[in-house]
Amino acid sequence: MVSEETGVVYGTEDLLASLCNSVIRVLNVATHSKVHYSAMVQRITKIGLKPDIGCFVLFDGGFSGLVVLNFNGETALEIYEKYMLNMGMPKSELATSFTSDEVANILGELMNQIVGDFTGKIRRELQTNITQNQPKMLVLTKQVMLSVDTPLDRPELRRVSFFTEKNNIFYLELAIDRTEFIKLHDFDAHEIPDPDALLDFEQSGQDANAAPAAEPAASDDNDELLKSLGM
C-alpha cells in the first residue's frame, strides 16, 4: 500500500496540463510564433464543437477520453498562414478563407501532432498506453454538442483558453474519465530521441570510421610511386 507521503498522484489536472503543453510545443514549433494558455481552467458540464472550425479526437487504452479544439475563422487563418509561411510557401499561394479545405486539413494535421505528442508523454511518464483515432475537422455554422462514445463512469470535463501571437483566441476542451496515477517506485521517464541528433551522431561515426580507412590507401599509393621511381 502506498502512503500519501511517498505516493505521487497524477490526476485530471495534471493530464490536462500535459495536453496543454503539447498544444504549445507543437504550435510554437509549427508556426514559429508564441502561443500561450490561460492559467485558469474552466470546469464545464458539456463538451462540443463550436463555430467556425471544430476538431475532435477520441483516445482509448489505459484511460479514455475526447479532445476538442475550437477555432474562430480569424484564429484558424492565422495559425494556417503562419504554418504555411514557416514551411516556405509564398503568401500569394495561401488560402484566404477559413472555409477552404486546405485550412481544415492543416489544422487537422496539427491536432494529430498535438495528440501524438501527448500520447508519447503518457507512455513515458505514466507507463501506460493510449491510442488515438484520426482527427475529424468540421467547418461549422452553429454549435454541435458531443457525447463521448467510450465508457466514462465519472467523466471530468474541462475547458482551457489559448491565445495566439496576435491575441486571437481558441479553446481546448477535454472529457476524460476521472482517474489517478500513483507512483509505486521511481523510474526514468526517457525522452524521445531527437532524430536529427541521431542522424548527426551516426554521420559523425561514419566519418570517423572512414578517415582511418583512407590512410592505408594513401600509403599504398605512396609505395606504388616509390616503386615506379625504382626506390
C-alpha atoms as a PDB file:
ATOM      1  CA  MET A   1       0.000   0.000   0.000  1.00  0.00           C
ATOM      2  CA  VAL A   2       1.341   3.433  -0.962  1.00  0.00           C
ATOM      3  CA  SER A   3       1.265   6.139   1.699  1.00  0.00           C
ATOM      4  CA  GLU A   4       0.250   9.692   0.853  1.00  0.00           C
ATOM      5  CA  GLU A   5       3.701  10.886   1.865  1.00  0.00           C
ATOM      6  CA  THR A   6       5.561   8.726  -0.675  1.00  0.00           C
ATOM      7  CA  GLY A   7       2.972   8.153  -3.448  1.00  0.00           C
ATOM      8  CA  VAL A   8       2.998  10.772  -6.192  1.00  0.00           C
ATOM      9  CA  VAL A   9      -0.542  11.221  -7.502  1.00  0.00           C
ATOM     10  CA  TYR A  10      -1.087  12.297 -11.118  1.00  0.00           C
ATOM     11  CA  GLY A  11      -4.708  13.305 -11.731  1.00  0.00           C
ATOM     12  CA  THR A  12      -7.052  15.035 -14.170  1.00  0.00           C
ATOM     13  CA  GLU A  13      -5.494  18.490 -13.906  1.00  0.00           C
ATOM     14  CA  ASP A  14      -2.019  17.035 -14.473  1.00  0.00           C
ATOM     15  CA  LEU A  15      -3.229  15.254 -17.619  1.00  0.00           C
ATOM     16  CA  LEU A  16      -4.843  18.498 -18.782  1.00  0.00           C
ATOM     17  CA  ALA A  17      -1.632  20.468 -18.166  1.00  0.00           C
ATOM     18  CA  SER A  18       0.360  17.864 -20.115  1.00  0.00           C
ATOM     19  CA  LEU A  19      -2.097  18.130 -23.016  1.00  0.00           C
ATOM     20  CA  CYS A  20      -1.932  21.944 -22.952  1.00  0.00           C
ATOM     21  CA  ASN A  21       1.864  21.788 -23.037  1.00  0.00           C
ATOM     22  CA  SER A  22       1.658  19.528 -26.095  1.00  0.00           C
ATOM     23  CA  VAL A  23      -0.515  22.155 -27.809  1.00  0.00           C
ATOM     24  CA  ILE A  24       2.054  24.850 -27.009  1.00  0.00           C
ATOM     25  CA  ARG A  25       5.024  22.687 -28.028  1.00  0.00           C
ATOM     26  CA  VAL A  26       3.597  21.709 -31.428  1.00  0.00           C
ATOM     27  CA  LEU A  27       2.099  25.079 -32.406  1.00  0.00           C
ATOM     28  CA  ASN A  28       5.127  27.116 -31.326  1.00  0.00           C
ATOM     29  CA  VAL A  29       7.402  24.981 -33.493  1.00  0.00           C
ATOM     30  CA  ALA A  30       4.984  24.618 -36.420  1.00  0.00           C
ATOM     31  CA  THR A  31       4.075  28.314 -36.658  1.00  0.00           C
ATOM     32  CA  HIS A  32       7.355  29.749 -35.366  1.00  0.00           C
ATOM     33  CA  SER A  33       5.358  32.012 -33.054  1.00  0.00           C
ATOM     34  CA  LYS A  34       4.339  32.188 -29.404  1.00  0.00           C
ATOM     35  CA  VAL A  35       1.090  30.566 -28.297  1.00  0.00           C
ATOM     36  CA  HIS A  36       0.153  30.502 -24.620  1.00  0.00           C
ATOM     37  CA  TYR A  37      -2.781  29.404 -22.489  1.00  0.00           C
ATOM     38  CA  SER A  38      -4.687  30.792 -19.525  1.00  0.00           C
ATOM     39  CA  ALA A  39      -3.599  29.903 -16.015  1.00  0.00           C
ATOM     40  CA  MET A  40      -7.287  29.436 -15.160  1.00  0.00           C
ATOM     41  CA  VAL A  41      -9.202  26.352 -16.284  1.00  0.00           C
ATOM     42  CA  GLN A  42     -12.991  26.018 -16.503  1.00  0.00           C
ATOM     43  CA  ARG A  43     -14.915  23.024 -15.162  1.00  0.00           C
ATOM     44  CA  ILE A  44     -17.748  22.542 -17.673  1.00  0.00           C
ATOM     45  CA  THR A  45     -20.811  20.308 -17.962  1.00  0.00           C
ATOM     46  CA  LYS A  46     -20.935  19.813 -21.749  1.00  0.00           C
ATOM     47  CA  ILE A  47     -18.327  19.401 -24.456  1.00  0.00           C
ATOM     48  CA  GLY A  48     -18.923  20.297 -28.088  1.00  0.00           C
ATOM     49  CA  LEU A  49     -17.787  21.689 -31.431  1.00  0.00           C
ATOM     50  CA  LYS A  50     -18.288  25.420 -31.889  1.00  0.00           C
ATOM     51  CA  PRO A  51     -18.096  27.763 -34.919  1.00  0.00           C
ATOM     52  CA  ASP A  52     -16.170  28.423 -37.021  1.00  0.00           C
ATOM     53  CA  ILE A  53     -13.960  25.290 -37.079  1.00  0.00           C
ATOM     54  CA  GLY A  54     -14.099  22.418 -34.617  1.00  0.00           C
ATOM     55  CA  CYS A  55     -11.805  19.412 -34.444  1.00  0.00           C
ATOM     56  CA  PHE A  56     -12.049  16.370 -32.188  1.00  0.00           C
ATOM     57  CA  VAL A  57     -10.051  13.229 -31.425  1.00  0.00           C
ATOM     58  CA  LEU A  58     -11.072  10.196 -29.391  1.00  0.00           C
ATOM     59  CA  PHE A  59      -8.477   8.226 -27.457  1.00  0.00           C
ATOM     60  CA  ASP A  60      -8.688   4.927 -25.620  1.00  0.00           C
ATOM     61  CA  GLY A  61      -6.464   2.468 -23.769  1.00  0.00           C
ATOM     62  CA  GLY A  62      -5.159   2.991 -20.231  1.00  0.00           C
ATOM     63  CA  PHE A  63      -7.863   5.652 -19.933  1.00  0.00           C
ATOM     64  CA  SER A  64     -10.466   7.001 -22.344  1.00  0.00           C
ATOM     65  CA  GLY A  65     -11.495  10.458 -23.395  1.00  0.00           C
ATOM     66  CA  LEU A  66     -12.204  13.080 -26.024  1.00  0.00           C
ATOM     67  CA  VAL A  67     -10.184  16.153 -27.014  1.00  0.00           C
ATOM     68  CA  VAL A  68     -11.783  19.084 -28.865  1.00  0.00           C
ATOM     69  CA  LEU A  69     -10.181  22.210 -30.343  1.00  0.00           C
ATOM     70  CA  ASN A  70     -12.491  25.086 -31.362  1.00  0.00           C
ATOM     71  CA  PHE A  71     -11.253  27.943 -33.592  1.00  0.00           C
ATOM     72  CA  ASN A  72     -12.963  31.020 -34.918  1.00  0.00           C
ATOM     73  CA  GLY A  73     -12.206  31.854 -38.554  1.00  0.00           C
ATOM     74  CA  GLU A  74      -9.601  34.541 -37.813  1.00  0.00           C
ATOM     75  CA  THR A  75      -7.645  32.316 -35.439  1.00  0.00           C
ATOM     76  CA  ALA A  76      -7.745  29.383 -37.853  1.00  0.00           C
ATOM     77  CA  LEU A  77      -6.399  31.550 -40.694  1.00  0.00           C
ATOM     78  CA  GLU A  78      -3.616  32.984 -38.510  1.00  0.00           C
ATOM     79  CA  ILE A  79      -2.375  29.539 -37.472  1.00  0.00           C
ATOM     80  CA  TYR A  80      -2.710  28.195 -41.028  1.00  0.00           C
ATOM     81  CA  GLU A  81      -0.833  31.147 -42.575  1.00  0.00           C
ATOM     82  CA  LYS A  82       1.996  31.084 -40.027  1.00  0.00           C
ATOM     83  CA  TYR A  83       2.400  27.335 -40.505  1.00  0.00           C
ATOM     84  CA  MET A  84       2.496  27.546 -44.304  1.00  0.00           C
ATOM     85  CA  LEU A  85       4.844  30.547 -44.327  1.00  0.00           C
ATOM     86  CA  ASN A  86       7.133  28.727 -41.884  1.00  0.00           C
ATOM     87  CA  MET A  87       7.149  25.826 -44.363  1.00  0.00           C
ATOM     88  CA  GLY A  88       8.382  28.196 -47.083  1.00  0.00           C
ATOM     89  CA  MET A  89       5.124  28.720 -49.005  1.00  0.00           C
ATOM     90  CA  PRO A  90       4.676  32.169 -50.607  1.00  0.00           C
ATOM     91  CA  LYS A  91       1.839  34.217 -49.136  1.00  0.00           C
ATOM     92  CA  SER A  92       0.310  34.698 -52.595  1.00  0.00           C
ATOM     93  CA  GLU A  93      -0.439  30.961 -52.831  1.00  0.00           C
ATOM     94  CA  LEU A  94      -2.206  30.632 -49.479  1.00  0.00           C
ATOM     95  CA  ALA A  95      -5.938  30.180 -48.958  1.00  0.00           C
ATOM     96  CA  THR A  96      -7.717  33.386 -47.943  1.00  0.00           C
ATOM     97  CA  SER A  97     -10.847  31.872 -46.379  1.00  0.00           C
ATOM     98  CA  PHE A  98     -11.089  29.661 -43.296  1.00  0.00           C
ATOM     99  CA  THR A  99     -13.707  27.565 -45.114  1.00  0.00           C
ATOM    100  CA  SER A 100     -11.023  26.308 -47.519  1.00  0.00           C
ATOM    101  CA  ASP A 101     -10.344  22.572 -47.307  1.00  0.00           C
ATOM    102  CA  GLU A 102      -6.637  23.365 -47.089  1.00  0.00           C
ATOM    103  CA  VAL A 103      -7.114  25.277 -43.821  1.00  0.00           C
ATOM    104  CA  ALA A 104      -9.106  22.412 -42.261  1.00  0.00           C
ATOM    105  CA  ASN A 105      -6.531  19.853 -43.429  1.00  0.00           C
ATOM    106  CA  ILE A 106      -3.631  21.773 -41.877  1.00  0.00           C
ATOM    107  CA  LEU A 107      -5.441  22.244 -38.556  1.00  0.00           C
ATOM    108  CA  GLY A 108      -6.329  18.551 -38.558  1.00  0.00           C
ATOM    109  CA  GLU A 109      -2.688  17.617 -39.147  1.00  0.00           C
ATOM    110  CA  LEU A 110      -1.562  19.922 -36.324  1.00  0.00           C
ATOM    111  CA  MET A 111      -4.088  18.357 -33.968  1.00  0.00           C
ATOM    112  CA  ASN A 112      -2.836  14.909 -34.947  1.00  0.00           C
ATOM    113  CA  GLN A 113       0.694  16.004 -33.988  1.00  0.00           C
ATOM    114  CA  ILE A 114      -0.558  17.511 -30.711  1.00  0.00           C
ATOM    115  CA  VAL A 115      -2.339  14.355 -29.581  1.00  0.00           C
ATOM    116  CA  GLY A 116       0.592  12.252 -30.804  1.00  0.00           C
ATOM    117  CA  ASP A 117       2.960  14.297 -28.646  1.00  0.00           C
ATOM    118  CA  PHE A 118       0.576  13.897 -25.700  1.00  0.00           C
ATOM    119  CA  THR A 119       0.238  10.105 -26.062  1.00  0.00           C
ATOM    120  CA  GLY A 120       4.035   9.820 -26.291  1.00  0.00           C
ATOM    121  CA  LYS A 121       4.425  11.643 -22.980  1.00  0.00           C
ATOM    122  CA  ILE A 122       1.759   9.430 -21.406  1.00  0.00           C
ATOM    123  CA  ARG A 123       3.737   6.320 -22.381  1.00  0.00           C
ATOM    124  CA  ARG A 124       6.971   7.709 -20.957  1.00  0.00           C
ATOM    125  CA  GLU A 125       5.743   9.497 -17.840  1.00  0.00           C
ATOM    126  CA  LEU A 126       2.818   7.315 -16.732  1.00  0.00           C
ATOM    127  CA  GLN A 127       3.972   3.984 -18.169  1.00  0.00           C
ATOM    128  CA  THR A 128       0.611   3.274 -19.778  1.00  0.00           C
ATOM    129  CA  ASN A 129      -0.615   3.422 -23.345  1.00  0.00           C
ATOM    130  CA  ILE A 130      -3.435   5.246 -25.124  1.00  0.00           C
ATOM    131  CA  THR A 131      -4.284   5.175 -28.807  1.00  0.00           C
ATOM    132  CA  GLN A 132      -5.980   7.888 -30.832  1.00  0.00           C
ATOM    133  CA  ASN A 133      -8.236   7.863 -33.860  1.00  0.00           C
ATOM    134  CA  GLN A 134      -7.821  10.134 -36.882  1.00  0.00           C
ATOM    135  CA  PRO A 135      -8.800  13.753 -36.076  1.00  0.00           C
ATOM    136  CA  LYS A 136     -12.127  14.919 -37.500  1.00  0.00           C
ATOM    137  CA  MET A 137     -12.277  18.570 -38.583  1.00  0.00           C
ATOM    138  CA  LEU A 138     -15.589  20.325 -39.340  1.00  0.00           C
ATOM    139  CA  VAL A 139     -16.416  23.816 -40.613  1.00  0.00           C
ATOM    140  CA  LEU A 140     -19.487  24.853 -38.608  1.00  0.00           C
ATOM    141  CA  THR A 141     -22.214  27.474 -38.702  1.00  0.00           C
ATOM    142  CA  LYS A 142     -23.668  26.538 -35.317  1.00  0.00           C
ATOM    143  CA  GLN A 143     -22.688  24.724 -32.136  1.00  0.00           C
ATOM    144  CA  VAL A 144     -22.734  20.918 -32.088  1.00  0.00           C
ATOM    145  CA  MET A 145     -22.765  19.059 -28.763  1.00  0.00           C
ATOM    146  CA  LEU A 146     -20.829  15.806 -28.500  1.00  0.00           C
ATOM    147  CA  SER A 147     -21.205  12.745 -26.319  1.00  0.00           C
ATOM    148  CA  VAL A 148     -18.182  10.546 -25.664  1.00  0.00           C
ATOM    149  CA  ASP A 149     -18.623   7.099 -27.213  1.00  0.00           C
ATOM    150  CA  THR A 150     -16.429   5.491 -24.562  1.00  0.00           C
ATOM    151  CA  PRO A 151     -17.275   4.024 -21.138  1.00  0.00           C
ATOM    152  CA  LEU A 152     -16.781   7.081 -18.923  1.00  0.00           C
ATOM    153  CA  ASP A 153     -18.169   6.210 -15.485  1.00  0.00           C
ATOM    154  CA  ARG A 154     -17.268   9.509 -13.823  1.00  0.00           C
ATOM    155  CA  PRO A 155     -16.495  11.992 -16.617  1.00  0.00           C
ATOM    156  CA  GLU A 156     -14.418  15.092 -15.923  1.00  0.00           C
ATOM    157  CA  LEU A 157     -14.866  17.991 -18.388  1.00  0.00           C
ATOM    158  CA  ARG A 158     -12.521  20.962 -18.695  1.00  0.00           C
ATOM    159  CA  ARG A 159     -12.048  23.964 -20.997  1.00  0.00           C
ATOM    160  CA  VAL A 160      -8.846  25.995 -21.434  1.00  0.00           C
ATOM    161  CA  SER A 161      -8.426  29.267 -23.345  1.00  0.00           C
ATOM    162  CA  PHE A 162      -5.414  29.665 -25.669  1.00  0.00           C
ATOM    163  CA  PHE A 163      -4.048  32.884 -27.144  1.00  0.00           C
ATOM    164  CA  THR A 164      -2.057  33.310 -30.357  1.00  0.00           C
ATOM    165  CA  GLU A 165       0.693  35.830 -31.053  1.00  0.00           C
ATOM    166  CA  LYS A 166      -1.948  38.210 -32.486  1.00  0.00           C
ATOM    167  CA  ASN A 167      -4.070  37.648 -29.367  1.00  0.00           C
ATOM    168  CA  ASN A 168      -6.677  35.606 -31.207  1.00  0.00           C
ATOM    169  CA  ILE A 169      -8.365  33.000 -29.007  1.00  0.00           C
ATOM    170  CA  PHE A 170      -9.117  29.317 -29.435  1.00  0.00           C
ATOM    171  CA  TYR A 171     -10.324  26.740 -26.925  1.00  0.00           C
ATOM    172  CA  LEU A 172      -9.331  23.243 -25.883  1.00  0.00           C
ATOM    173  CA  GLU A 173     -11.986  21.043 -24.281  1.00  0.00           C
ATOM    174  CA  LEU A 174     -11.224  17.705 -22.618  1.00  0.00           C
ATOM    175  CA  ALA A 175     -13.598  14.963 -21.486  1.00  0.00           C
ATOM    176  CA  ILE A 176     -11.897  12.195 -19.539  1.00  0.00           C
ATOM    177  CA  ASP A 177     -12.828   9.541 -17.020  1.00  0.00           C
ATOM    178  CA  ARG A 178     -11.846  10.538 -13.506  1.00  0.00           C
ATOM    179  CA  THR A 179      -8.561   8.774 -12.856  1.00  0.00           C
ATOM    180  CA  GLU A 180      -5.432   8.990 -10.726  1.00  0.00           C
ATOM    181  CA  PHE A 181      -1.961   7.550 -11.242  1.00  0.00           C
ATOM    182  CA  ILE A 182       0.049   6.759  -8.116  1.00  0.00           C
ATOM    183  CA  LYS A 183       3.794   6.145  -8.342  1.00  0.00           C
ATOM    184  CA  LEU A 184       4.761   2.856  -6.711  1.00  0.00           C
ATOM    185  CA  HIS A 185       8.506   3.280  -7.240  1.00  0.00           C
ATOM    186  CA  ASP A 186      10.945   5.582  -9.039  1.00  0.00           C
ATOM    187  CA  PHE A 187      11.660   5.126 -12.747  1.00  0.00           C
ATOM    188  CA  ASP A 188      13.291   7.041 -15.579  1.00  0.00           C
ATOM    189  CA  ALA A 189      10.894   8.746 -17.990  1.00  0.00           C
ATOM    190  CA  HIS A 190      13.085   8.636 -21.082  1.00  0.00           C
ATOM    191  CA  GLU A 191      12.627  11.375 -23.631  1.00  0.00           C
ATOM    192  CA  ILE A 192      12.069  10.570 -27.302  1.00  0.00           C
ATOM    193  CA  PRO A 193      15.438  10.707 -29.113  1.00  0.00           C
ATOM    194  CA  ASP A 194      15.905  13.663 -31.450  1.00  0.00           C
ATOM    195  CA  PRO A 195      16.001  12.212 -34.999  1.00  0.00           C
ATOM    196  CA  ASP A 196      18.310  14.995 -36.242  1.00  0.00           C
ATOM    197  CA  ALA A 197      20.729  14.402 -33.354  1.00  0.00           C
ATOM    198  CA  LEU A 198      20.750  10.669 -34.063  1.00  0.00           C
ATOM    199  CA  LEU A 199      21.470  11.287 -37.745  1.00  0.00           C
ATOM    200  CA  ASP A 200      24.303  13.688 -36.885  1.00  0.00           C
ATOM    201  CA  PHE A 201      25.764  11.157 -34.439  1.00  0.00           C
ATOM    202  CA  GLU A 202      25.519   8.362 -36.998  1.00  0.00           C
ATOM    203  CA  GLN A 203      27.109  10.525 -39.679  1.00  0.00           C
ATOM    204  CA  SER A 204      29.967  11.565 -37.394  1.00  0.00           C
ATOM    205  CA  GLY A 205      30.574   7.889 -36.609  1.00  0.00           C
ATOM    206  CA  GLN A 206      30.706   7.013 -40.293  1.00  0.00           C
ATOM    207  CA  ASP A 207      33.107   9.886 -40.957  1.00  0.00           C
ATOM    208  CA  ALA A 208      35.359   8.764 -38.109  1.00  0.00           C
ATOM    209  CA  ASN A 209      35.418   5.222 -39.447  1.00  0.00           C
ATOM    210  CA  ALA A 210      36.053   6.380 -42.988  1.00  0.00           C
ATOM    211  CA  ALA A 211      39.026   8.565 -42.069  1.00  0.00           C
ATOM    212  CA  PRO A 212      41.366   5.792 -40.797  1.00  0.00           C
ATOM    213  CA  ALA A 213      40.420   3.623 -43.767  1.00  0.00           C
ATOM    214  CA  ALA A 214      41.693   6.286 -46.132  1.00  0.00           C
ATOM    215  CA  GLU A 215      45.207   6.260 -44.651  1.00  0.00           C
ATOM    216  CA  PRO A 216      46.241   2.760 -45.867  1.00  0.00           C
ATOM    217  CA  ALA A 217      45.032   3.658 -49.348  1.00  0.00           C
ATOM    218  CA  ALA A 218      47.237   6.750 -49.282  1.00  0.00           C
ATOM    219  CA  SER A 219      50.202   4.620 -48.094  1.00  0.00           C
ATOM    220  CA  ASP A 220      49.660   2.136 -50.950  1.00  0.00           C
ATOM    221  CA  ASP A 221      49.706   4.995 -53.442  1.00  0.00           C
ATOM    222  CA  ASN A 222      52.984   6.231 -51.976  1.00  0.00           C
ATOM    223  CA  ASP A 223      54.507   2.732 -52.232  1.00  0.00           C
ATOM    224  CA  GLU A 224      53.497   2.448 -55.865  1.00  0.00           C
ATOM    225  CA  LEU A 225      55.025   5.826 -56.606  1.00  0.00           C
ATOM    226  CA  LEU A 226      58.289   4.845 -54.905  1.00  0.00           C
ATOM    227  CA  LYS A 227      58.402   1.567 -56.837  1.00  0.00           C
ATOM    228  CA  SER A 228      57.846   3.338 -60.122  1.00  0.00           C
ATOM    229  CA  LEU A 229      60.828   5.543 -59.304  1.00  0.00           C
ATOM    230  CA  GLY A 230      62.949   2.481 -58.532  1.00  0.00           C
ATOM    231  CA  MET A 231      63.206   3.282 -54.854  1.00  0.00           C
END
